[in-house]
Structures are given as C-alpha cells and as structure tokens.
PDB file of N, CA and C in Angstrom:
ATOM      1  N   MET A   1       0.859  -1.172   0.000  1.00  0.00           N
ATOM      2  CA  MET A   1       0.000   0.000   0.000  1.00  0.00           C
ATOM      3  C   MET A   1       0.901   1.229   0.000  1.00  0.00           C
ATOM      4  N   THR A   2       0.578   2.188  -0.837  1.00  0.00           N
ATOM      5  CA  THR A   2       1.368   3.400  -0.936  1.00  0.00           C
ATOM      6  C   THR A   2       0.576   4.575  -0.393  1.00  0.00           C
ATOM      7  N   GLY A   3       1.201   5.734  -0.309  1.00  0.00           N
ATOM      8  CA  GLY A   3       0.484   6.934   0.094  1.00  0.00           C
ATOM      9  C   GLY A   3       1.024   7.586   1.341  1.00  0.00           C
ATOM     10  N   ALA A   4       2.142   7.094   1.870  1.00  0.00           N
ATOM     11  CA  ALA A   4       2.675   7.628   3.116  1.00  0.00           C
ATOM     12  C   ALA A   4       3.041   9.103   3.002  1.00  0.00           C
ATOM     13  N   ASN A   5       3.316   9.588   1.792  1.00  0.00           N
ATOM     14  CA  ASN A   5       3.712  10.981   1.630  1.00  0.00           C
ATOM     15  C   ASN A   5       2.568  11.882   1.184  1.00  0.00           C
ATOM     16  N   LEU A   6       1.341  11.363   1.138  1.00  0.00           N
ATOM     17  CA  LEU A   6       0.195  12.160   0.728  1.00  0.00           C
ATOM     18  C   LEU A   6      -0.358  12.954   1.909  1.00  0.00           C
ATOM     19  N   SER A   7      -0.895  14.124   1.613  1.00  0.00           N
ATOM     20  CA  SER A   7      -1.580  14.890   2.648  1.00  0.00           C
ATOM     21  C   SER A   7      -2.884  14.169   2.978  1.00  0.00           C
ATOM     22  N   PRO A   8      -3.495  14.461   4.138  1.00  0.00           N
ATOM     23  CA  PRO A   8      -4.786  13.835   4.444  1.00  0.00           C
ATOM     24  C   PRO A   8      -5.838  14.081   3.359  1.00  0.00           C
ATOM     25  N   ALA A   9      -5.868  15.290   2.783  1.00  0.00           N
ATOM     26  CA  ALA A   9      -6.836  15.584   1.724  1.00  0.00           C
ATOM     27  C   ALA A   9      -6.566  14.735   0.492  1.00  0.00           C
ATOM     28  N   ASP A  10      -5.291  14.612   0.110  1.00  0.00           N
ATOM     29  CA  ASP A  10      -4.934  13.791  -1.052  1.00  0.00           C
ATOM     30  C   ASP A  10      -5.222  12.313  -0.788  1.00  0.00           C
ATOM     31  N   MET A  11      -4.994  11.863   0.449  1.00  0.00           N
ATOM     32  CA  MET A  11      -5.269  10.472   0.797  1.00  0.00           C
ATOM     33  C   MET A  11      -6.773  10.197   0.734  1.00  0.00           C
ATOM     34  N   SER A  12      -7.579  11.129   1.222  1.00  0.00           N
ATOM     35  CA  SER A  12      -9.032  10.971   1.150  1.00  0.00           C
ATOM     36  C   SER A  12      -9.490  10.871  -0.297  1.00  0.00           C
ATOM     37  N   HIS A  13      -8.927  11.722  -1.143  1.00  0.00           N
ATOM     38  CA  HIS A  13      -9.268  11.691  -2.563  1.00  0.00           C
ATOM     39  C   HIS A  13      -8.852  10.362  -3.182  1.00  0.00           C
ATOM     40  N   ALA A  14      -7.659   9.891  -2.873  1.00  0.00           N
ATOM     41  CA  ALA A  14      -7.174   8.628  -3.420  1.00  0.00           C
ATOM     42  C   ALA A  14      -8.059   7.467  -2.976  1.00  0.00           C
ATOM     43  N   MET A  15      -8.512   7.472  -1.719  1.00  0.00           N
ATOM     44  CA  MET A  15      -9.383   6.406  -1.234  1.00  0.00           C
ATOM     45  C   MET A  15     -10.730   6.434  -1.949  1.00  0.00           C
ATOM     46  N   LEU A  16     -11.274   7.628  -2.158  1.00  0.00           N
ATOM     47  CA  LEU A  16     -12.538   7.742  -2.871  1.00  0.00           C
ATOM     48  C   LEU A  16     -12.411   7.197  -4.286  1.00  0.00           C
ATOM     49  N   VAL A  17     -11.357   7.573  -4.977  1.00  0.00           N
ATOM     50  CA  VAL A  17     -11.138   7.083  -6.343  1.00  0.00           C
ATOM     51  C   VAL A  17     -10.976   5.565  -6.329  1.00  0.00           C
ATOM     52  N   ALA A  18     -10.217   5.018  -5.379  1.00  0.00           N
ATOM     53  CA  ALA A  18     -10.005   3.571  -5.304  1.00  0.00           C
ATOM     54  C   ALA A  18     -11.330   2.838  -5.082  1.00  0.00           C
ATOM     55  N   ILE A  19     -12.165   3.354  -4.184  1.00  0.00           N
ATOM     56  CA  ILE A  19     -13.465   2.727  -3.922  1.00  0.00           C
ATOM     57  C   ILE A  19     -14.334   2.759  -5.170  1.00  0.00           C
ATOM     58  N   LEU A  20     -14.409   3.917  -5.804  1.00  0.00           N
ATOM     59  CA  LEU A  20     -15.236   4.026  -7.006  1.00  0.00           C
ATOM     60  C   LEU A  20     -14.727   3.130  -8.129  1.00  0.00           C
ATOM     61  N   MET A  21     -13.437   3.098  -8.353  1.00  0.00           N
ATOM     62  CA  MET A  21     -12.890   2.274  -9.425  1.00  0.00           C
ATOM     63  C   MET A  21     -13.115   0.790  -9.141  1.00  0.00           C
ATOM     64  N   HIS A  22     -13.024   0.393  -7.875  1.00  0.00           N
ATOM     65  CA  HIS A  22     -13.265  -0.999  -7.507  1.00  0.00           C
ATOM     66  C   HIS A  22     -14.716  -1.404  -7.791  1.00  0.00           C
ATOM     67  N   HIS A  23     -15.611  -0.440  -7.724  1.00  0.00           N
ATOM     68  CA  HIS A  23     -17.028  -0.689  -7.982  1.00  0.00           C
ATOM     69  C   HIS A  23     -17.422  -0.319  -9.411  1.00  0.00           C
ATOM     70  N   GLY A  24     -16.467  -0.336 -10.321  1.00  0.00           N
ATOM     71  CA  GLY A  24     -16.771  -0.089 -11.725  1.00  0.00           C
ATOM     72  C   GLY A  24     -16.848   1.377 -12.098  1.00  0.00           C
ATOM     73  N   GLY A  25     -16.405   2.270 -11.229  1.00  0.00           N
ATOM     74  CA  GLY A  25     -16.358   3.696 -11.547  1.00  0.00           C
ATOM     75  C   GLY A  25     -17.486   4.511 -10.950  1.00  0.00           C
ATOM     76  N   SER A  26     -18.500   3.837 -10.407  1.00  0.00           N
ATOM     77  CA  SER A  26     -19.597   4.591  -9.797  1.00  0.00           C
ATOM     78  C   SER A  26     -20.301   3.723  -8.757  1.00  0.00           C
ATOM     79  N   ILE A  27     -21.013   4.381  -7.878  1.00  0.00           N
ATOM     80  CA  ILE A  27     -21.802   3.705  -6.852  1.00  0.00           C
ATOM     81  C   ILE A  27     -23.003   4.589  -6.554  1.00  0.00           C
ATOM     82  N   ASP A  28     -24.152   3.992  -6.371  1.00  0.00           N
ATOM     83  CA  ASP A  28     -25.364   4.751  -6.065  1.00  0.00           C
ATOM     84  C   ASP A  28     -25.527   4.897  -4.559  1.00  0.00           C
ATOM     85  N   LEU A  29     -25.745   6.123  -4.119  1.00  0.00           N
ATOM     86  CA  LEU A  29     -25.980   6.429  -2.713  1.00  0.00           C
ATOM     87  C   LEU A  29     -27.283   7.205  -2.588  1.00  0.00           C
ATOM     88  N   PRO A  30     -27.963   7.057  -1.463  1.00  0.00           N
ATOM     89  CA  PRO A  30     -29.148   7.889  -1.260  1.00  0.00           C
ATOM     90  C   PRO A  30     -28.718   9.335  -1.014  1.00  0.00           C
ATOM     91  N   ALA A  31     -29.542  10.282  -1.404  1.00  0.00           N
ATOM     92  CA  ALA A  31     -29.223  11.697  -1.202  1.00  0.00           C
ATOM     93  C   ALA A  31     -28.970  11.998   0.273  1.00  0.00           C
ATOM     94  N   SER A  32     -29.604  11.253   1.162  1.00  0.00           N
ATOM     95  CA  SER A  32     -29.439  11.490   2.605  1.00  0.00           C
ATOM     96  C   SER A  32     -28.006  11.237   3.077  1.00  0.00           C
ATOM     97  N   ALA A  33     -27.202  10.544   2.280  1.00  0.00           N
ATOM     98  CA  ALA A  33     -25.812  10.287   2.649  1.00  0.00           C
ATOM     99  C   ALA A  33     -24.986  11.571   2.691  1.00  0.00           C
ATOM    100  N   PHE A  34     -25.512  12.640   2.091  1.00  0.00           N
ATOM    101  CA  PHE A  34     -24.776  13.904   2.050  1.00  0.00           C
ATOM    102  C   PHE A  34     -25.333  14.957   2.997  1.00  0.00           C
ATOM    103  N   GLU A  35     -26.281  14.574   3.814  1.00  0.00           N
ATOM    104  CA  GLU A  35     -26.830  15.522   4.789  1.00  0.00           C
ATOM    105  C   GLU A  35     -25.809  15.751   5.903  1.00  0.00           C
ATOM    106  N   PRO A  36     -25.829  16.940   6.523  1.00  0.00           N
ATOM    107  CA  PRO A  36     -24.845  17.246   7.561  1.00  0.00           C
ATOM    108  C   PRO A  36     -24.759  16.205   8.671  1.00  0.00           C
ATOM    109  N   ASP A  37     -25.884  15.641   9.088  1.00  0.00           N
ATOM    110  CA  ASP A  37     -25.830  14.634  10.154  1.00  0.00           C
ATOM    111  C   ASP A  37     -25.058  13.394   9.716  1.00  0.00           C
ATOM    112  N   ALA A  38     -25.167  13.024   8.453  1.00  0.00           N
ATOM    113  CA  ALA A  38     -24.460  11.848   7.954  1.00  0.00           C
ATOM    114  C   ALA A  38     -22.976  12.127   7.756  1.00  0.00           C
ATOM    115  N   LEU A  39     -22.644  13.346   7.365  1.00  0.00           N
ATOM    116  CA  LEU A  39     -21.243  13.706   7.103  1.00  0.00           C
ATOM    117  C   LEU A  39     -20.490  14.134   8.351  1.00  0.00           C
ATOM    118  N   GLY A  40     -21.207  14.514   9.393  1.00  0.00           N
ATOM    119  CA  GLY A  40     -20.537  14.916  10.617  1.00  0.00           C
ATOM    120  C   GLY A  40     -20.435  16.409  10.780  1.00  0.00           C
ATOM    121  N   GLY A  41     -21.140  17.178  10.025  1.00  0.00           N
ATOM    122  CA  GLY A  41     -21.106  18.630  10.149  1.00  0.00           C
ATOM    123  C   GLY A  41     -21.255  19.276   8.794  1.00  0.00           C
ATOM    124  N   PRO A  42     -21.306  20.608   8.780  1.00  0.00           N
ATOM    125  CA  PRO A  42     -21.527  21.330   7.523  1.00  0.00           C
ATOM    126  C   PRO A  42     -20.479  21.035   6.460  1.00  0.00           C
ATOM    127  N   ASP A  43     -19.244  20.770   6.863  1.00  0.00           N
ATOM    128  CA  ASP A  43     -18.184  20.519   5.880  1.00  0.00           C
ATOM    129  C   ASP A  43     -17.665  19.083   5.923  1.00  0.00           C
ATOM    130  N   GLY A  44     -18.291  18.244   6.742  1.00  0.00           N
ATOM    131  CA  GLY A  44     -17.877  16.849   6.815  1.00  0.00           C
ATOM    132  C   GLY A  44     -16.560  16.619   7.512  1.00  0.00           C
ATOM    133  N   ALA A  45     -16.053  17.613   8.228  1.00  0.00           N
ATOM    134  CA  ALA A  45     -14.714  17.532   8.808  1.00  0.00           C
ATOM    135  C   ALA A  45     -14.652  16.801  10.144  1.00  0.00           C
ATOM    136  N   TRP A  46     -15.756  16.286  10.616  1.00  0.00           N
ATOM    137  CA  TRP A  46     -15.726  15.665  11.940  1.00  0.00           C
ATOM    138  C   TRP A  46     -15.506  14.164  11.896  1.00  0.00           C
ATOM    139  N   HIS A  47     -15.131  13.640  10.762  1.00  0.00           N
ATOM    140  CA  HIS A  47     -14.839  12.228  10.625  1.00  0.00           C
ATOM    141  C   HIS A  47     -13.424  12.038  10.095  1.00  0.00           C
ATOM    142  N   ALA A  48     -12.862  10.922  10.421  1.00  0.00           N
ATOM    143  CA  ALA A  48     -11.547  10.554   9.909  1.00  0.00           C
ATOM    144  C   ALA A  48     -11.682   9.200   9.233  1.00  0.00           C
ATOM    145  N   VAL A  49     -10.819   8.949   8.290  1.00  0.00           N
ATOM    146  CA  VAL A  49     -10.817   7.676   7.579  1.00  0.00           C
ATOM    147  C   VAL A  49      -9.613   6.877   8.045  1.00  0.00           C
ATOM    148  N   GLY A  50      -9.841   5.609   8.320  1.00  0.00           N
ATOM    149  CA  GLY A  50      -8.762   4.715   8.696  1.00  0.00           C
ATOM    150  C   GLY A  50      -8.550   3.671   7.619  1.00  0.00           C
ATOM    151  N   MET A  51      -7.314   3.288   7.415  1.00  0.00           N
ATOM    152  CA  MET A  51      -6.982   2.235   6.454  1.00  0.00           C
ATOM    153  C   MET A  51      -6.164   1.185   7.193  1.00  0.00           C
ATOM    154  N   GLU A  52      -6.588  -0.062   7.084  1.00  0.00           N
ATOM    155  CA  GLU A  52      -5.892  -1.140   7.782  1.00  0.00           C
ATOM    156  C   GLU A  52      -5.673  -2.311   6.831  1.00  0.00           C
ATOM    157  N   PRO A  53      -4.416  -2.636   6.540  1.00  0.00           N
ATOM    158  CA  PRO A  53      -4.143  -3.790   5.679  1.00  0.00           C
ATOM    159  C   PRO A  53      -4.645  -5.072   6.343  1.00  0.00           C
ATOM    160  N   GLN A  54      -5.220  -5.963   5.538  1.00  0.00           N
ATOM    161  CA  GLN A  54      -5.713  -7.247   6.022  1.00  0.00           C
ATOM    162  C   GLN A  54      -4.764  -8.355   5.578  1.00  0.00           C
ATOM    163  N   THR A  55      -4.815  -9.482   6.258  1.00  0.00           N
ATOM    164  CA  THR A  55      -3.899 -10.587   5.941  1.00  0.00           C
ATOM    165  C   THR A  55      -4.162 -11.208   4.572  1.00  0.00           C
ATOM    166  N   ASP A  56      -5.343 -10.965   4.003  1.00  0.00           N
ATOM    167  CA  ASP A  56      -5.661 -11.536   2.683  1.00  0.00           C
ATOM    168  C   ASP A  56      -5.268 -10.617   1.531  1.00  0.00           C
ATOM    169  N   GLY A  57      -4.538  -9.540   1.828  1.00  0.00           N
ATOM    170  CA  GLY A  57      -4.075  -8.625   0.789  1.00  0.00           C
ATOM    171  C   GLY A  57      -5.020  -7.471   0.506  1.00  0.00           C
ATOM    172  N   THR A  58      -6.163  -7.427   1.186  1.00  0.00           N
ATOM    173  CA  THR A  58      -7.099  -6.321   1.018  1.00  0.00           C
ATOM    174  C   THR A  58      -6.799  -5.230   2.038  1.00  0.00           C
ATOM    175  N   VAL A  59      -7.478  -4.095   1.891  1.00  0.00           N
ATOM    176  CA  VAL A  59      -7.334  -2.981   2.825  1.00  0.00           C
ATOM    177  C   VAL A  59      -8.726  -2.628   3.336  1.00  0.00           C
ATOM    178  N   ARG A  60      -8.900  -2.614   4.649  1.00  0.00           N
ATOM    179  CA  ARG A  60     -10.173  -2.216   5.245  1.00  0.00           C
ATOM    180  C   ARG A  60     -10.162  -0.696   5.413  1.00  0.00           C
ATOM    181  N   ILE A  61     -11.182  -0.034   4.851  1.00  0.00           N
ATOM    182  CA  ILE A  61     -11.339   1.411   4.983  1.00  0.00           C
ATOM    183  C   ILE A  61     -12.528   1.651   5.903  1.00  0.00           C
ATOM    184  N   THR A  62     -12.309   2.420   6.955  1.00  0.00           N
ATOM    185  CA  THR A  62     -13.361   2.708   7.917  1.00  0.00           C
ATOM    186  C   THR A  62     -13.462   4.207   8.145  1.00  0.00           C
ATOM    187  N   VAL A  63     -14.625   4.630   8.584  1.00  0.00           N
ATOM    188  CA  VAL A  63     -14.848   6.027   8.941  1.00  0.00           C
ATOM    189  C   VAL A  63     -15.211   6.057  10.420  1.00  0.00           C
ATOM    190  N   HIS A  64     -14.585   6.962  11.154  1.00  0.00           N
ATOM    191  CA  HIS A  64     -14.854   7.062  12.578  1.00  0.00           C
ATOM    192  C   HIS A  64     -14.714   8.512  13.008  1.00  0.00           C
ATOM    193  N   PRO A  65     -15.207   8.858  14.187  1.00  0.00           N
ATOM    194  CA  PRO A  65     -15.104  10.258  14.633  1.00  0.00           C
ATOM    195  C   PRO A  65     -13.661  10.736  14.636  1.00  0.00           C
ATOM    196  N   ARG A  66     -13.483  11.955  14.185  1.00  0.00           N
ATOM    197  CA  ARG A  66     -12.152  12.571  14.156  1.00  0.00           C
ATOM    198  C   ARG A  66     -11.817  13.090  15.554  1.00  0.00           C
ATOM    199  N   PRO A  67     -10.564  12.936  15.981  1.00  0.00           N
ATOM    200  CA  PRO A  67     -10.179  13.502  17.277  1.00  0.00           C
ATOM    201  C   PRO A  67     -10.426  15.010  17.307  1.00  0.00           C
ATOM    202  N   ASP A  68     -10.843  15.507  18.433  1.00  0.00           N
ATOM    203  CA  ASP A  68     -11.175  16.924  18.577  1.00  0.00           C
ATOM    204  C   ASP A  68      -9.923  17.758  18.869  1.00  0.00           C
ATOM    205  N   VAL A  69      -8.971  17.713  17.957  1.00  0.00           N
ATOM    206  CA  VAL A  69      -7.735  18.474  18.082  1.00  0.00           C
ATOM    207  C   VAL A  69      -7.368  19.019  16.705  1.00  0.00           C
ATOM    208  N   ASP A  70      -6.599  20.086  16.681  1.00  0.00           N
ATOM    209  CA  ASP A  70      -6.115  20.608  15.410  1.00  0.00           C
ATOM    210  C   ASP A  70      -5.054  19.667  14.856  1.00  0.00           C
ATOM    211  N   GLN A  71      -5.061  19.499  13.554  1.00  0.00           N
ATOM    212  CA  GLN A  71      -4.075  18.705  12.845  1.00  0.00           C
ATOM    213  C   GLN A  71      -3.896  17.329  13.490  1.00  0.00           C
ATOM    214  N   ALA A  72      -5.013  16.585  13.524  1.00  0.00           N
ATOM    215  CA  ALA A  72      -5.009  15.268  14.161  1.00  0.00           C
ATOM    216  C   ALA A  72      -4.048  14.313  13.502  1.00  0.00           C
ATOM    217  N   GLY A  73      -3.704  14.560  12.262  1.00  0.00           N
ATOM    218  CA  GLY A  73      -2.719  13.728  11.585  1.00  0.00           C
ATOM    219  C   GLY A  73      -3.307  12.511  10.923  1.00  0.00           C
ATOM    220  N   MET A  74      -2.436  11.683  10.410  1.00  0.00           N
ATOM    221  CA  MET A  74      -2.840  10.511   9.670  1.00  0.00           C
ATOM    222  C   MET A  74      -1.821   9.422   9.960  1.00  0.00           C
ATOM    223  N   THR A  75      -2.300   8.227  10.221  1.00  0.00           N
ATOM    224  CA  THR A  75      -1.415   7.099  10.449  1.00  0.00           C
ATOM    225  C   THR A  75      -1.504   6.156   9.276  1.00  0.00           C
ATOM    226  N   THR A  76      -0.367   5.763   8.731  1.00  0.00           N
ATOM    227  CA  THR A  76      -0.344   4.789   7.641  1.00  0.00           C
ATOM    228  C   THR A  76       0.432   3.588   8.127  1.00  0.00           C
ATOM    229  N   TYR A  77       0.104   2.441   7.586  1.00  0.00           N
ATOM    230  CA  TYR A  77       0.755   1.190   7.984  1.00  0.00           C
ATOM    231  C   TYR A  77       1.647   0.696   6.887  1.00  0.00           C
TER     232      TYR A  77
END
C-alpha cells in the first residue's frame, strides 16, 4: 500500500477514487448520505478515515469520529 507521503486531503481523494474504481467507476448512494448529520457537520470535517491492511491482501477502509484536536494527523501502515 502506498500513500505515506500524501496529505490527508490527497489520501481521502485517493481512497474515494479507489473505492469508485473498484465498484466499476460509480456507486449509487441515497441523497441522505450527504446531509450534515451523515457527514458529521456542515463541511464533513468531523470524521476521519482509517486504512488497515488485512492478511488476505485487502485494505479495510473505515470512517470514525475525528479527534477533537487541530491537525489530528494521519497514520499509515
């Protein structure tokens, strides 16, 4: 897995592209997926994405609450 030198914004973009490409380039979501309550706030900044390599060669991508600190950072494995 690569990406250790990407900014958090670039890593988020790369993960989105990887997910979409894995699903044939598009995925259907309900409009409610973009409401502030679903995103974690007006700009969606209250969530963080985690990536964890699995023993079968896949990568688990998860979304969880972002730490309430400035520049929480990003951990790569």
